[in-house]
Amino acid sequence: MKNEEKTAAYQRLEAKCSALESRGLYRRAADMWRTNLTINGLTEKERDLCVTNAGLCSRQAKYTGKPEGL
């Protein structure tokens, strides 16, 4: 999607999520992508991009916790 075709709401969301991703905070970025699916003003194509980006961030997140019971 070209930059000029994106709505202002999506551009703000993309900037916030990109900042989180650049700091390695993929889980927070994925959560932000998912929770902002209901923003008024997003097109259907932008909602689809949110879902895709949330999935990409989720796959990049690394599990850093310890297994339970050990």
Protein backbone atom coordinates (compact mmCIF):
# COMPACT_ATOMS: atom_id res chain seq x y z
CA MET A 1 0.00 0.00 0.00
CA LYS A 2 1.45 3.36 -0.97
CA ASN A 3 2.00 5.95 1.75
CA GLU A 4 -0.41 8.49 0.25
CA GLU A 5 -3.19 5.87 0.20
CA LYS A 6 -2.96 5.25 3.95
CA THR A 7 -5.33 7.00 6.32
CA ALA A 8 -3.95 9.26 9.05
CA ALA A 9 -5.13 6.81 11.74
CA TYR A 10 -3.20 3.96 10.14
CA GLN A 11 -0.08 6.08 9.69
CA ARG A 12 -0.07 6.96 13.41
CA LEU A 13 -0.55 3.31 14.36
CA GLU A 14 2.19 2.21 11.98
CA ALA A 15 4.61 4.76 13.44
CA LYS A 16 3.93 3.63 17.03
CA CYS A 17 4.25 -0.05 16.19
CA SER A 18 7.40 0.47 14.13
CA ALA A 19 9.00 2.26 17.08
CA LEU A 20 8.20 -0.71 19.33
CA GLU A 21 9.50 -3.19 16.75
CA SER A 22 12.76 -1.26 16.33
CA ARG A 23 13.32 -1.60 20.09
CA GLY A 24 12.68 -5.36 19.90
CA LEU A 25 9.33 -5.13 21.69
CA TYR A 26 7.50 -7.44 19.32
CA ARG A 27 4.86 -8.65 21.77
CA ARG A 28 3.83 -5.10 22.60
CA ALA A 29 3.75 -4.22 18.91
CA ALA A 30 1.63 -7.29 18.13
CA ASP A 31 -0.76 -6.38 20.93
CA MET A 32 -1.02 -2.81 19.63
CA TRP A 33 -1.74 -4.04 16.09
CA ARG A 34 -4.49 -6.32 17.41
CA THR A 35 -6.13 -3.89 19.81
CA ASN A 36 -6.31 -1.14 17.21
CA LEU A 37 -8.23 -3.18 14.66
CA THR A 38 -11.39 -1.36 15.70
CA ILE A 39 -10.07 2.18 15.09
CA ASN A 40 -12.68 4.22 13.27
CA GLY A 41 -11.45 5.34 9.91
CA LEU A 42 -9.37 2.28 8.99
CA THR A 43 -10.18 0.75 5.65
CA GLU A 44 -10.76 -2.98 5.24
CA LYS A 45 -7.35 -3.30 3.58
CA GLU A 46 -5.69 -1.54 6.54
CA ARG A 47 -7.45 -3.88 8.98
CA ASP A 48 -6.09 -6.83 7.01
CA LEU A 49 -2.61 -5.29 7.24
CA CYS A 50 -3.04 -4.96 11.02
CA VAL A 51 -3.82 -8.67 11.29
CA THR A 52 -0.85 -9.57 9.10
CA ASN A 53 1.54 -7.31 11.01
CA ALA A 54 0.31 -8.66 14.36
CA GLY A 55 1.09 -12.18 13.15
CA LEU A 56 4.55 -11.19 11.97
CA CYS A 57 5.35 -9.54 15.30
CA SER A 58 4.06 -12.55 17.22
CA ARG A 59 6.35 -14.86 15.28
CA GLN A 60 9.35 -12.62 15.93
CA ALA A 61 8.73 -12.42 19.68
CA LYS A 62 11.05 -14.62 21.67
CA TYR A 63 9.94 -16.51 24.75
CA THR A 64 12.17 -15.40 27.62
CA GLY A 65 10.35 -16.96 30.55
CA LYS A 66 11.10 -20.19 32.32
CA PRO A 67 8.87 -23.25 32.00
CA GLU A 68 6.40 -23.67 34.80
CA GLY A 69 7.02 -26.27 37.44
CA LEU A 70 10.82 -26.16 37.32
